[in-house]
């Protein structure tokens, strides 16, 4: 029997961040700061808090700053120590959570999200794993970690979990929407889903539950990804592999608690800054 413990995650960071140009011309979009930490650090911390031990970052040759951020910075640390800046020094030295192991795998060429996930197979192996899209930050109560709850749901059911949240009726056409066969769930709950529909018109959408950007997959997804041909945009789409998986085994929609912020566009990025700044007791 395969283990249901989720200890590894894939984070695709190879994209060019075109929605945030010109800011992302020379700076990876994942390195844009939300208050005083780059987006990618929030993602790695979320993984660590959920019990993830290894993260595979699917990257690009132009994204060296991401790897540098998690490495020791000897000259900077020495300077801060000599000046007695102990509080700042501690923050600089803790960009990578204790016990977390990072792997960097270059995608090579942009062949879509499905291909990016497939690039992580050699490190993940035949075990369940998480996929976290780095554009999305989750704002919620500090005592709640939705990723951890999804991992627990997978452990209980053995069913892949797709994070969703309710969106306004007028915004439905902007998202991938899940079909739960009219089953109503509350935040923190999950249920079987029967399909995903990409950006449907509100009047024909099966629900108002949009895919957020957090997934827990059973090892069965690997074969679906390998057999997925080129789809929309001439790329290998993760949603196509998900749809194939749904037809062969149970896949659940997990209704997150809190609110998501899409840091891949200007409006969402500004909202994230406002939300996360509001959670700080003090900003110097």
C-alpha atoms as a PDB file:
ATOM      1  CA  UNK A   1       0.000   0.000   0.000  1.00  0.00           C
ATOM      2  CA  UNK A   2       1.382   3.400  -0.975  1.00  0.00           C
ATOM      3  CA  UNK A   3       1.969   5.962   1.747  1.00  0.00           C
ATOM      4  CA  UNK A   4      -0.549   8.777   1.946  1.00  0.00           C
ATOM      5  CA  UNK A   5       1.877  11.112   3.722  1.00  0.00           C
ATOM      6  CA  UNK A   6       2.638  14.205   1.636  1.00  0.00           C
ATOM      7  CA  UNK A   7       6.195  15.395   2.228  1.00  0.00           C
ATOM      8  CA  UNK A   8       7.176  16.965  -1.105  1.00  0.00           C
ATOM      9  CA  UNK A   9       5.882  19.818  -3.256  1.00  0.00           C
ATOM     10  CA  UNK A  10       6.434  21.270  -6.706  1.00  0.00           C
ATOM     11  CA  UNK A  11       6.457  25.039  -7.195  1.00  0.00           C
ATOM     12  CA  UNK A  12       6.668  26.152 -10.864  1.00  0.00           C
ATOM     13  CA  UNK A  13       8.632  29.416 -11.072  1.00  0.00           C
ATOM     14  CA  UNK A  14       9.809  29.403 -14.693  1.00  0.00           C
ATOM     15  CA  UNK A  15       7.252  31.894 -16.036  1.00  0.00           C
ATOM     16  CA  UNK A  16       8.312  35.328 -17.265  1.00  0.00           C
ATOM     17  CA  UNK A  17       5.712  37.325 -15.320  1.00  0.00           C
ATOM     18  CA  UNK A  18       4.476  39.211 -18.371  1.00  0.00           C
ATOM     19  CA  UNK A  19       1.467  40.611 -16.496  1.00  0.00           C
ATOM     20  CA  UNK A  20       3.844  42.512 -14.198  1.00  0.00           C
ATOM     21  CA  UNK A  21       6.197  44.006 -16.787  1.00  0.00           C
ATOM     22  CA  UNK A  22       8.331  46.114 -16.798  1.00  0.00           C
ATOM     23  CA  UNK A  23       8.965  45.327 -13.098  1.00  0.00           C
ATOM     24  CA  UNK A  24       9.733  41.707 -13.965  1.00  0.00           C
ATOM     25  CA  UNK A  25      12.090  42.435 -16.857  1.00  0.00           C
ATOM     26  CA  UNK A  26      15.146  41.773 -14.671  1.00  0.00           C
ATOM     27  CA  UNK A  27      13.547  40.645 -11.382  1.00  0.00           C
ATOM     28  CA  UNK A  28      11.688  37.319 -11.153  1.00  0.00           C
ATOM     29  CA  UNK A  29       8.011  37.933 -10.383  1.00  0.00           C
ATOM     30  CA  UNK A  30       8.372  35.554  -7.438  1.00  0.00           C
ATOM     31  CA  UNK A  31      10.936  37.940  -5.932  1.00  0.00           C
ATOM     32  CA  UNK A  32       8.611  40.950  -5.847  1.00  0.00           C
ATOM     33  CA  UNK A  33       8.199  41.971  -2.200  1.00  0.00           C
ATOM     34  CA  UNK A  34       4.989  41.826  -0.214  1.00  0.00           C
ATOM     35  CA  UNK A  35       5.870  44.197   2.630  1.00  0.00           C
ATOM     36  CA  UNK A  36       9.425  42.955   3.368  1.00  0.00           C
ATOM     37  CA  UNK A  37       9.482  39.397   2.039  1.00  0.00           C
ATOM     38  CA  UNK A  38       9.367  38.208  -1.568  1.00  0.00           C
ATOM     39  CA  UNK A  39       6.318  36.244  -2.671  1.00  0.00           C
ATOM     40  CA  UNK A  40       8.324  33.024  -2.974  1.00  0.00           C
ATOM     41  CA  UNK A  41       9.363  33.149   0.682  1.00  0.00           C
ATOM     42  CA  UNK A  42       5.714  33.205   1.769  1.00  0.00           C
ATOM     43  CA  UNK A  43       5.153  30.127  -0.398  1.00  0.00           C
ATOM     44  CA  UNK A  44       8.100  28.207   1.091  1.00  0.00           C
ATOM     45  CA  UNK A  45       7.003  29.146   4.617  1.00  0.00           C
ATOM     46  CA  UNK A  46       3.473  27.938   3.866  1.00  0.00           C
ATOM     47  CA  UNK A  47       4.926  24.599   2.756  1.00  0.00           C
ATOM     48  CA  UNK A  48       7.110  24.294   5.859  1.00  0.00           C
ATOM     49  CA  UNK A  49       4.230  25.096   8.203  1.00  0.00           C
ATOM     50  CA  UNK A  50       2.162  22.359   6.529  1.00  0.00           C
ATOM     51  CA  UNK A  51       4.883  19.771   7.109  1.00  0.00           C
ATOM     52  CA  UNK A  52       6.394  19.710   3.623  1.00  0.00           C
ATOM     53  CA  UNK A  53      10.064  18.725   3.860  1.00  0.00           C
ATOM     54  CA  UNK A  54      11.244  19.091   0.258  1.00  0.00           C
ATOM     55  CA  UNK A  55      10.246  21.600  -2.423  1.00  0.00           C
ATOM     56  CA  UNK A  56      11.125  21.248  -6.088  1.00  0.00           C
ATOM     57  CA  UNK A  57      11.251  24.622  -7.816  1.00  0.00           C
ATOM     58  CA  UNK A  58      10.813  24.270 -11.575  1.00  0.00           C
ATOM     59  CA  UNK A  59      12.822  27.221 -12.725  1.00  0.00           C
ATOM     60  CA  UNK A  60      14.471  29.017 -15.656  1.00  0.00           C
ATOM     61  CA  UNK A  61      18.046  30.151 -16.251  1.00  0.00           C
ATOM     62  CA  UNK A  62      16.942  33.777 -15.714  1.00  0.00           C
ATOM     63  CA  UNK A  63      15.630  33.066 -12.204  1.00  0.00           C
ATOM     64  CA  UNK A  64      18.955  32.833 -10.348  1.00  0.00           C
ATOM     65  CA  UNK A  65      17.820  35.454  -7.830  1.00  0.00           C
ATOM     66  CA  UNK A  66      15.357  32.959  -6.353  1.00  0.00           C
ATOM     67  CA  UNK A  67      18.089  30.460  -5.575  1.00  0.00           C
ATOM     68  CA  UNK A  68      20.341  33.235  -4.231  1.00  0.00           C
ATOM     69  CA  UNK A  69      17.612  34.406  -1.852  1.00  0.00           C
ATOM     70  CA  UNK A  70      17.658  31.109   0.022  1.00  0.00           C
ATOM     71  CA  UNK A  71      21.452  30.820   0.197  1.00  0.00           C
ATOM     72  CA  UNK A  72      23.603  32.280   2.991  1.00  0.00           C
ATOM     73  CA  UNK A  73      24.806  35.832   2.273  1.00  0.00           C
ATOM     74  CA  UNK A  74      28.128  35.863   4.102  1.00  0.00           C
ATOM     75  CA  UNK A  75      29.203  39.442   3.386  1.00  0.00           C
ATOM     76  CA  UNK A  76      25.800  40.877   4.305  1.00  0.00           C
ATOM     77  CA  UNK A  77      25.516  38.736   7.423  1.00  0.00           C
ATOM     78  CA  UNK A  78      29.021  39.715   8.591  1.00  0.00           C
ATOM     79  CA  UNK A  79      28.191  43.397   8.104  1.00  0.00           C
ATOM     80  CA  UNK A  80      24.927  43.139  10.037  1.00  0.00           C
ATOM     81  CA  UNK A  81      26.630  41.246  12.875  1.00  0.00           C
ATOM     82  CA  UNK A  82      29.416  43.860  13.191  1.00  0.00           C
ATOM     83  CA  UNK A  83      26.830  46.655  13.322  1.00  0.00           C
ATOM     84  CA  UNK A  84      24.751  44.893  15.959  1.00  0.00           C
ATOM     85  CA  UNK A  85      21.732  44.551  13.669  1.00  0.00           C
ATOM     86  CA  UNK A  86      20.729  41.270  15.288  1.00  0.00           C
ATOM     87  CA  UNK A  87      17.011  41.483  14.489  1.00  0.00           C
ATOM     88  CA  UNK A  88      17.657  42.010  10.793  1.00  0.00           C
ATOM     89  CA  UNK A  89      20.415  39.397  10.802  1.00  0.00           C
ATOM     90  CA  UNK A  90      17.989  36.811  12.161  1.00  0.00           C
ATOM     91  CA  UNK A  91      15.515  37.570   9.381  1.00  0.00           C
ATOM     92  CA  UNK A  92      18.219  37.299   6.721  1.00  0.00           C
ATOM     93  CA  UNK A  93      19.399  33.960   8.105  1.00  0.00           C
ATOM     94  CA  UNK A  94      15.894  32.492   8.300  1.00  0.00           C
ATOM     95  CA  UNK A  95      14.751  32.949   4.700  1.00  0.00           C
ATOM     96  CA  UNK A  96      14.845  29.151   4.403  1.00  0.00           C
ATOM     97  CA  UNK A  97      12.873  27.415   7.187  1.00  0.00           C
ATOM     98  CA  UNK A  98      14.771  24.912   9.319  1.00  0.00           C
ATOM     99  CA  UNK A  99      14.626  21.407   7.906  1.00  0.00           C
ATOM    100  CA  UNK A 100      13.441  22.492   4.464  1.00  0.00           C
ATOM    101  CA  UNK A 101      15.315  21.140   1.439  1.00  0.00           C
ATOM    102  CA  UNK A 102      15.064  22.920  -1.909  1.00  0.00           C
ATOM    103  CA  UNK A 103      15.736  21.426  -5.340  1.00  0.00           C
ATOM    104  CA  UNK A 104      16.084  23.565  -8.477  1.00  0.00           C
ATOM    105  CA  UNK A 105      15.165  21.965 -11.807  1.00  0.00           C
ATOM    106  CA  UNK A 106      15.261  23.952 -15.049  1.00  0.00           C
ATOM    107  CA  UNK A 107      12.281  23.514 -17.327  1.00  0.00           C
ATOM    108  CA  UNK A 108      14.341  24.329 -20.410  1.00  0.00           C
ATOM    109  CA  UNK A 109      11.525  25.633 -22.578  1.00  0.00           C
ATOM    110  CA  UNK A 110       8.025  26.866 -21.844  1.00  0.00           C
ATOM    111  CA  UNK A 111       5.750  23.920 -22.567  1.00  0.00           C
ATOM    112  CA  UNK A 112       2.996  24.686 -20.079  1.00  0.00           C
ATOM    113  CA  UNK A 113       2.144  24.057 -16.451  1.00  0.00           C
ATOM    114  CA  UNK A 114       1.599  20.339 -16.995  1.00  0.00           C
ATOM    115  CA  UNK A 115       5.086  19.987 -18.447  1.00  0.00           C
ATOM    116  CA  UNK A 116       6.562  22.024 -15.592  1.00  0.00           C
ATOM    117  CA  UNK A 117       5.021  19.667 -13.031  1.00  0.00           C
ATOM    118  CA  UNK A 118       6.263  16.648 -14.982  1.00  0.00           C
ATOM    119  CA  UNK A 119       9.814  18.034 -14.737  1.00  0.00           C
ATOM    120  CA  UNK A 120       9.712  17.287 -11.012  1.00  0.00           C
ATOM    121  CA  UNK A 121       9.031  13.574 -11.339  1.00  0.00           C
ATOM    122  CA  UNK A 122      12.583  12.310 -10.781  1.00  0.00           C
ATOM    123  CA  UNK A 123      12.746  14.025  -7.382  1.00  0.00           C
ATOM    124  CA  UNK A 124       9.162  13.434  -6.288  1.00  0.00           C
ATOM    125  CA  UNK A 125       8.960   9.797  -7.383  1.00  0.00           C
ATOM    126  CA  UNK A 126       5.874   7.625  -7.040  1.00  0.00           C
ATOM    127  CA  UNK A 127       4.382   9.267  -3.983  1.00  0.00           C
ATOM    128  CA  UNK A 128       1.678  11.872  -3.374  1.00  0.00           C
ATOM    129  CA  UNK A 129       2.788  15.487  -3.632  1.00  0.00           C
ATOM    130  CA  UNK A 130       1.591  19.074  -3.567  1.00  0.00           C
ATOM    131  CA  UNK A 131       1.652  21.620  -6.374  1.00  0.00           C
ATOM    132  CA  UNK A 132       1.642  25.279  -5.329  1.00  0.00           C
ATOM    133  CA  UNK A 133       1.368  28.108  -7.819  1.00  0.00           C
ATOM    134  CA  UNK A 134       3.609  30.924  -6.561  1.00  0.00           C
ATOM    135  CA  UNK A 135       1.406  33.723  -7.905  1.00  0.00           C
ATOM    136  CA  UNK A 136      -1.232  33.004  -5.252  1.00  0.00           C
ATOM    137  CA  UNK A 137      -0.921  34.002  -1.596  1.00  0.00           C
ATOM    138  CA  UNK A 138      -3.523  32.870   0.923  1.00  0.00           C
ATOM    139  CA  UNK A 139      -4.729  35.332   3.551  1.00  0.00           C
ATOM    140  CA  UNK A 140      -6.230  33.542   6.522  1.00  0.00           C
ATOM    141  CA  UNK A 141      -6.151  33.285  10.293  1.00  0.00           C
ATOM    142  CA  UNK A 142      -2.604  32.496  11.536  1.00  0.00           C
ATOM    143  CA  UNK A 143      -3.914  29.310  13.165  1.00  0.00           C
ATOM    144  CA  UNK A 144      -5.133  27.962   9.793  1.00  0.00           C
ATOM    145  CA  UNK A 145      -2.999  26.368   7.097  1.00  0.00           C
ATOM    146  CA  UNK A 146      -5.198  25.281   4.209  1.00  0.00           C
ATOM    147  CA  UNK A 147      -2.396  23.289   2.611  1.00  0.00           C
ATOM    148  CA  UNK A 148      -2.019  21.244   5.788  1.00  0.00           C
ATOM    149  CA  UNK A 149      -5.784  20.621   5.851  1.00  0.00           C
ATOM    150  CA  UNK A 150      -5.706  19.488   2.221  1.00  0.00           C
ATOM    151  CA  UNK A 151      -2.879  17.091   3.032  1.00  0.00           C
ATOM    152  CA  UNK A 152      -4.908  15.678   5.913  1.00  0.00           C
ATOM    153  CA  UNK A 153      -7.921  15.254   3.620  1.00  0.00           C
ATOM    154  CA  UNK A 154      -5.751  13.327   1.176  1.00  0.00           C
ATOM    155  CA  UNK A 155      -4.451  11.142   3.993  1.00  0.00           C
ATOM    156  CA  UNK A 156      -8.007  10.311   5.059  1.00  0.00           C
ATOM    157  CA  UNK A 157      -9.431   9.650   1.587  1.00  0.00           C
ATOM    158  CA  UNK A 158      -6.554   8.858  -0.771  1.00  0.00           C
ATOM    159  CA  UNK A 159      -8.248  11.239  -3.218  1.00  0.00           C
ATOM    160  CA  UNK A 160      -6.410  14.098  -4.920  1.00  0.00           C
ATOM    161  CA  UNK A 161      -7.457  17.497  -3.576  1.00  0.00           C
ATOM    162  CA  UNK A 162      -7.995  20.685  -5.603  1.00  0.00           C
ATOM    163  CA  UNK A 163      -8.286  23.912  -3.607  1.00  0.00           C
ATOM    164  CA  UNK A 164     -11.232  26.141  -4.510  1.00  0.00           C
ATOM    165  CA  UNK A 165     -12.914  29.283  -3.251  1.00  0.00           C
ATOM    166  CA  UNK A 166     -16.221  30.962  -3.991  1.00  0.00           C
ATOM    167  CA  UNK A 167     -16.084  33.872  -6.443  1.00  0.00           C
ATOM    168  CA  UNK A 168     -18.628  36.537  -7.313  1.00  0.00           C
ATOM    169  CA  UNK A 169     -21.119  35.705 -10.073  1.00  0.00           C
ATOM    170  CA  UNK A 170     -19.700  38.374 -12.360  1.00  0.00           C
ATOM    171  CA  UNK A 171     -16.150  37.007 -11.951  1.00  0.00           C
ATOM    172  CA  UNK A 172     -16.875  33.366 -12.800  1.00  0.00           C
ATOM    173  CA  UNK A 173     -15.732  33.746 -16.415  1.00  0.00           C
ATOM    174  CA  UNK A 174     -12.211  34.670 -15.223  1.00  0.00           C
ATOM    175  CA  UNK A 175     -11.466  31.308 -13.585  1.00  0.00           C
ATOM    176  CA  UNK A 176     -11.400  27.566 -13.919  1.00  0.00           C
ATOM    177  CA  UNK A 177     -14.608  26.407 -12.220  1.00  0.00           C
ATOM    178  CA  UNK A 178     -15.217  23.002 -10.628  1.00  0.00           C
ATOM    179  CA  UNK A 179     -18.372  20.927 -10.963  1.00  0.00           C
ATOM    180  CA  UNK A 180     -19.291  19.307  -7.628  1.00  0.00           C
ATOM    181  CA  UNK A 181     -22.526  17.825  -9.001  1.00  0.00           C
ATOM    182  CA  UNK A 182     -24.529  20.382  -6.979  1.00  0.00           C
ATOM    183  CA  UNK A 183     -23.045  19.298  -3.654  1.00  0.00           C
ATOM    184  CA  UNK A 184     -22.682  22.297  -1.336  1.00  0.00           C
ATOM    185  CA  UNK A 185     -19.631  22.470   0.922  1.00  0.00           C
ATOM    186  CA  UNK A 186     -18.487  24.973   3.532  1.00  0.00           C
ATOM    187  CA  UNK A 187     -14.980  26.391   4.042  1.00  0.00           C
ATOM    188  CA  UNK A 188     -12.700  23.677   5.375  1.00  0.00           C
ATOM    189  CA  UNK A 189     -14.781  20.902   3.788  1.00  0.00           C
ATOM    190  CA  UNK A 190     -14.244  18.842   0.651  1.00  0.00           C
ATOM    191  CA  UNK A 191     -16.336  16.731  -1.688  1.00  0.00           C
ATOM    192  CA  UNK A 192     -16.009  14.727  -4.882  1.00  0.00           C
ATOM    193  CA  UNK A 193     -15.860  16.774  -8.082  1.00  0.00           C
ATOM    194  CA  UNK A 194     -16.841  15.502 -11.518  1.00  0.00           C
ATOM    195  CA  UNK A 195     -15.258  18.052 -13.866  1.00  0.00           C
ATOM    196  CA  UNK A 196     -13.507  21.380 -14.295  1.00  0.00           C
ATOM    197  CA  UNK A 197     -14.708  23.998 -16.748  1.00  0.00           C
ATOM    198  CA  UNK A 198     -12.294  26.663 -17.958  1.00  0.00           C
ATOM    199  CA  UNK A 199     -13.693  30.213 -17.775  1.00  0.00           C
ATOM    200  CA  UNK A 200     -17.394  29.431 -18.346  1.00  0.00           C
ATOM    201  CA  UNK A 201     -20.035  32.093 -18.797  1.00  0.00           C
ATOM    202  CA  UNK A 202     -21.759  32.718 -15.444  1.00  0.00           C
ATOM    203  CA  UNK A 203     -25.157  31.542 -16.678  1.00  0.00           C
ATOM    204  CA  UNK A 204     -23.780  28.150 -17.738  1.00  0.00           C
ATOM    205  CA  UNK A 205     -21.224  27.559 -14.971  1.00  0.00           C
ATOM    206  CA  UNK A 206     -21.706  24.428 -12.848  1.00  0.00           C
ATOM    207  CA  UNK A 207     -20.859  26.340  -9.648  1.00  0.00           C
ATOM    208  CA  UNK A 208     -19.154  29.481  -8.391  1.00  0.00           C
ATOM    209  CA  UNK A 209     -16.195  27.516  -6.975  1.00  0.00           C
ATOM    210  CA  UNK A 210     -12.938  28.575  -8.647  1.00  0.00           C
ATOM    211  CA  UNK A 211      -9.620  26.699  -8.641  1.00  0.00           C
ATOM    212  CA  UNK A 212      -7.161  28.622  -6.470  1.00  0.00           C
ATOM    213  CA  UNK A 213      -3.672  27.256  -7.202  1.00  0.00           C
ATOM    214  CA  UNK A 214      -3.075  24.589  -4.566  1.00  0.00           C
ATOM    215  CA  UNK A 215      -3.250  20.884  -5.384  1.00  0.00           C
ATOM    216  CA  UNK A 216      -2.511  17.554  -3.713  1.00  0.00           C
ATOM    217  CA  UNK A 217      -2.069  14.810  -6.301  1.00  0.00           C
ATOM    218  CA  UNK A 218      -1.929  11.053  -6.020  1.00  0.00           C
ATOM    219  CA  UNK A 219       0.936   9.403  -7.962  1.00  0.00           C
ATOM    220  CA  UNK A 220      -1.627   8.494 -10.647  1.00  0.00           C
ATOM    221  CA  UNK A 221      -1.304  12.022 -12.058  1.00  0.00           C
ATOM    222  CA  UNK A 222       2.131  11.190 -13.492  1.00  0.00           C
ATOM    223  CA  UNK A 223       0.793   8.805 -16.105  1.00  0.00           C
ATOM    224  CA  UNK A 224      -1.964  11.277 -17.005  1.00  0.00           C
ATOM    225  CA  UNK A 225       0.636  14.005 -17.512  1.00  0.00           C
ATOM    226  CA  UNK A 226       2.816  11.743 -19.637  1.00  0.00           C
ATOM    227  CA  UNK A 227      -0.160  10.913 -21.852  1.00  0.00           C
ATOM    228  CA  UNK A 228      -1.463  14.476 -22.119  1.00  0.00           C
ATOM    229  CA  UNK A 229      -0.950  15.958 -25.555  1.00  0.00           C
ATOM    230  CA  UNK A 230      -0.578  19.582 -26.515  1.00  0.00           C
ATOM    231  CA  UNK A 231      -3.627  21.619 -25.522  1.00  0.00           C
ATOM    232  CA  UNK A 232      -4.649  25.251 -25.289  1.00  0.00           C
ATOM    233  CA  UNK A 233      -1.871  27.641 -26.339  1.00  0.00           C
ATOM    234  CA  UNK A 234       0.194  24.794 -27.763  1.00  0.00           C
ATOM    235  CA  UNK A 235       1.170  23.738 -24.230  1.00  0.00           C
ATOM    236  CA  UNK A 236       0.734  20.699 -22.008  1.00  0.00           C
ATOM    237  CA  UNK A 237      -2.007  21.753 -19.613  1.00  0.00           C
ATOM    238  CA  UNK A 238      -2.295  20.528 -16.032  1.00  0.00           C
ATOM    239  CA  UNK A 239      -6.089  20.860 -16.253  1.00  0.00           C
ATOM    240  CA  UNK A 240      -6.190  18.330 -19.107  1.00  0.00           C
ATOM    241  CA  UNK A 241      -4.341  15.793 -16.957  1.00  0.00           C
ATOM    242  CA  UNK A 242      -6.675  16.572 -14.047  1.00  0.00           C
ATOM    243  CA  UNK A 243      -9.720  15.929 -16.207  1.00  0.00           C
ATOM    244  CA  UNK A 244      -8.292  12.553 -17.238  1.00  0.00           C
ATOM    245  CA  UNK A 245      -7.635  11.726 -13.575  1.00  0.00           C
ATOM    246  CA  UNK A 246     -11.195  12.649 -12.587  1.00  0.00           C
ATOM    247  CA  UNK A 247     -12.530  10.028 -14.991  1.00  0.00           C
ATOM    248  CA  UNK A 248     -10.402   7.289 -13.437  1.00  0.00           C
ATOM    249  CA  UNK A 249     -10.405   7.956  -9.692  1.00  0.00           C
ATOM    250  CA  UNK A 250     -12.012  10.232  -7.120  1.00  0.00           C
ATOM    251  CA  UNK A 251     -10.772  13.811  -7.045  1.00  0.00           C
ATOM    252  CA  UNK A 252     -12.071  16.207  -4.398  1.00  0.00           C
ATOM    253  CA  UNK A 253     -12.670  19.946  -4.332  1.00  0.00           C
ATOM    254  CA  UNK A 254     -11.354  21.427  -1.070  1.00  0.00           C
ATOM    255  CA  UNK A 255     -13.015  24.713  -0.063  1.00  0.00           C
ATOM    256  CA  UNK A 256     -10.295  26.894   1.452  1.00  0.00           C
ATOM    257  CA  UNK A 257     -10.729  29.127   4.456  1.00  0.00           C
ATOM    258  CA  UNK A 258      -9.703  32.753   4.044  1.00  0.00           C
ATOM    259  CA  UNK A 259      -9.048  34.703   0.871  1.00  0.00           C
ATOM    260  CA  UNK A 260      -6.620  34.299  -2.012  1.00  0.00           C
ATOM    261  CA  UNK A 261      -4.621  37.067  -3.666  1.00  0.00           C
ATOM    262  CA  UNK A 262      -3.285  36.728  -7.212  1.00  0.00           C
ATOM    263  CA  UNK A 263       0.101  38.433  -7.063  1.00  0.00           C
ATOM    264  CA  UNK A 264       0.591  37.778 -10.776  1.00  0.00           C
ATOM    265  CA  UNK A 265      -1.414  40.883 -11.677  1.00  0.00           C
ATOM    266  CA  UNK A 266      -1.094  44.439 -10.452  1.00  0.00           C
ATOM    267  CA  UNK A 267      -4.458  44.716  -8.710  1.00  0.00           C
ATOM    268  CA  UNK A 268      -4.060  41.414  -6.863  1.00  0.00           C
ATOM    269  CA  UNK A 269      -0.484  42.240  -5.923  1.00  0.00           C
ATOM    270  CA  UNK A 270      -1.479  45.563  -4.387  1.00  0.00           C
ATOM    271  CA  UNK A 271      -4.314  43.908  -2.479  1.00  0.00           C
ATOM    272  CA  UNK A 272      -1.879  41.324  -1.123  1.00  0.00           C
ATOM    273  CA  UNK A 273       0.456  44.048   0.135  1.00  0.00           C
ATOM    274  CA  UNK A 274      -2.431  45.812   1.837  1.00  0.00           C
ATOM    275  CA  UNK A 275      -3.728  42.577   3.401  1.00  0.00           C
ATOM    276  CA  UNK A 276      -0.384  41.306   4.681  1.00  0.00           C
ATOM    277  CA  UNK A 277       0.689  44.737   5.913  1.00  0.00           C
ATOM    278  CA  UNK A 278      -2.563  44.902   7.878  1.00  0.00           C
ATOM    279  CA  UNK A 279      -1.601  41.728   9.717  1.00  0.00           C
ATOM    280  CA  UNK A 280       1.626  43.261  11.041  1.00  0.00           C
ATOM    281  CA  UNK A 281       1.526  44.786  14.512  1.00  0.00           C
ATOM    282  CA  UNK A 282       4.240  47.203  13.446  1.00  0.00           C
ATOM    283  CA  UNK A 283       5.944  48.239  10.211  1.00  0.00           C
ATOM    284  CA  UNK A 284       9.167  50.201  10.613  1.00  0.00           C
END
